[in-house]
Amino acid sequence: MAKNGEVGDGHRNGAVKHRSQFFNEHTGKWQKRDTATGRIMDVKADDEKFKGVRKEKSSK
């Protein structure tokens, strides 16, 4: 049976809270947003999504 590792073992248990991600079609990159303030926190350098961060529903 699997179990969660020890604290500080270098990986995350569960999802990242209070953040969401969306795909910016103008730049072709994924961006991470703070859901409390709505500000953009980070932009991915590659074309992959952020791990463990929920996706926003598209407005289309």
C-alpha atoms as a PDB file:
ATOM      1  CA  MET A   1       0.000   0.000   0.000  1.00  0.00           C
ATOM      2  CA  ALA A   2       1.288   3.452  -0.935  1.00  0.00           C
ATOM      3  CA  LYS A   3       1.691   6.232   1.607  1.00  0.00           C
ATOM      4  CA  ASN A   4       2.673   9.879   1.613  1.00  0.00           C
ATOM      5  CA  GLY A   5       6.372  10.512   2.129  1.00  0.00           C
ATOM      6  CA  GLU A   6       8.044  12.455   4.894  1.00  0.00           C
ATOM      7  CA  VAL A   7       7.951  16.255   5.131  1.00  0.00           C
ATOM      8  CA  GLY A   8      10.691  17.841   3.027  1.00  0.00           C
ATOM      9  CA  ASP A   9      11.229  14.832   0.753  1.00  0.00           C
ATOM     10  CA  GLY A  10      10.963  16.996  -2.374  1.00  0.00           C
ATOM     11  CA  HIS A  11       7.468  16.329  -3.692  1.00  0.00           C
ATOM     12  CA  ARG A  12       3.965  17.710  -3.225  1.00  0.00           C
ATOM     13  CA  ASN A  13       1.039  15.862  -1.655  1.00  0.00           C
ATOM     14  CA  GLY A  14      -2.205  16.989  -3.282  1.00  0.00           C
ATOM     15  CA  ALA A  15      -3.082  19.973  -5.437  1.00  0.00           C
ATOM     16  CA  VAL A  16      -1.741  23.520  -5.210  1.00  0.00           C
ATOM     17  CA  LYS A  17      -4.408  25.661  -3.528  1.00  0.00           C
ATOM     18  CA  HIS A  18      -5.498  29.242  -4.278  1.00  0.00           C
ATOM     19  CA  ARG A  19      -4.013  29.148  -7.784  1.00  0.00           C
ATOM     20  CA  SER A  20      -5.288  28.416 -11.262  1.00  0.00           C
ATOM     21  CA  GLN A  21      -3.791  28.265 -14.721  1.00  0.00           C
ATOM     22  CA  PHE A  22      -4.940  29.252 -18.177  1.00  0.00           C
ATOM     23  CA  PHE A  23      -3.549  29.131 -21.698  1.00  0.00           C
ATOM     24  CA  ASN A  24      -2.700  32.513 -23.213  1.00  0.00           C
ATOM     25  CA  GLU A  25      -3.374  32.150 -26.931  1.00  0.00           C
ATOM     26  CA  HIS A  26      -1.478  35.338 -27.811  1.00  0.00           C
ATOM     27  CA  THR A  27       1.819  34.072 -26.373  1.00  0.00           C
ATOM     28  CA  GLY A  28       1.157  30.325 -26.631  1.00  0.00           C
ATOM     29  CA  LYS A  29       2.175  29.829 -22.979  1.00  0.00           C
ATOM     30  CA  TRP A  30       0.446  28.658 -19.779  1.00  0.00           C
ATOM     31  CA  GLN A  31       0.088  31.320 -17.091  1.00  0.00           C
ATOM     32  CA  LYS A  32      -0.553  30.858 -13.372  1.00  0.00           C
ATOM     33  CA  ARG A  33      -2.985  33.178 -11.560  1.00  0.00           C
ATOM     34  CA  ASP A  34      -3.463  33.878  -7.824  1.00  0.00           C
ATOM     35  CA  THR A  35      -7.197  33.273  -7.288  1.00  0.00           C
ATOM     36  CA  ALA A  36      -7.386  35.635  -4.286  1.00  0.00           C
ATOM     37  CA  THR A  37      -6.018  38.726  -6.065  1.00  0.00           C
ATOM     38  CA  GLY A  38      -6.400  37.754  -9.740  1.00  0.00           C
ATOM     39  CA  ARG A  39      -2.809  38.713 -10.501  1.00  0.00           C
ATOM     40  CA  ILE A  40      -0.594  36.714 -12.853  1.00  0.00           C
ATOM     41  CA  MET A  41       2.063  34.907 -10.828  1.00  0.00           C
ATOM     42  CA  ASP A  42       4.150  33.029 -13.374  1.00  0.00           C
ATOM     43  CA  VAL A  43       4.455  32.070 -17.042  1.00  0.00           C
ATOM     44  CA  LYS A  44       5.775  28.692 -18.148  1.00  0.00           C
ATOM     45  CA  ALA A  45       8.922  28.806 -20.260  1.00  0.00           C
ATOM     46  CA  ASP A  46       8.014  25.619 -22.143  1.00  0.00           C
ATOM     47  CA  ASP A  47       4.703  24.580 -23.704  1.00  0.00           C
ATOM     48  CA  GLU A  48       3.683  22.236 -20.862  1.00  0.00           C
ATOM     49  CA  LYS A  49       1.081  22.912 -18.151  1.00  0.00           C
ATOM     50  CA  PHE A  50       1.890  23.580 -14.495  1.00  0.00           C
ATOM     51  CA  LYS A  51       1.766  20.401 -12.396  1.00  0.00           C
ATOM     52  CA  GLY A  52      -0.936  20.190  -9.752  1.00  0.00           C
ATOM     53  CA  VAL A  53      -2.592  23.533 -10.582  1.00  0.00           C
ATOM     54  CA  ARG A  54      -6.249  23.560 -11.605  1.00  0.00           C
ATOM     55  CA  LYS A  55      -7.228  24.875 -15.040  1.00  0.00           C
ATOM     56  CA  GLU A  56      -9.648  27.780 -15.473  1.00  0.00           C
ATOM     57  CA  LYS A  57     -12.703  27.295 -17.611  1.00  0.00           C
ATOM     58  CA  SER A  58     -12.299  28.972 -20.991  1.00  0.00           C
ATOM     59  CA  SER A  59     -14.506  31.944 -21.770  1.00  0.00           C
ATOM     60  CA  LYS A  60     -15.296  30.708 -25.286  1.00  0.00           C
END
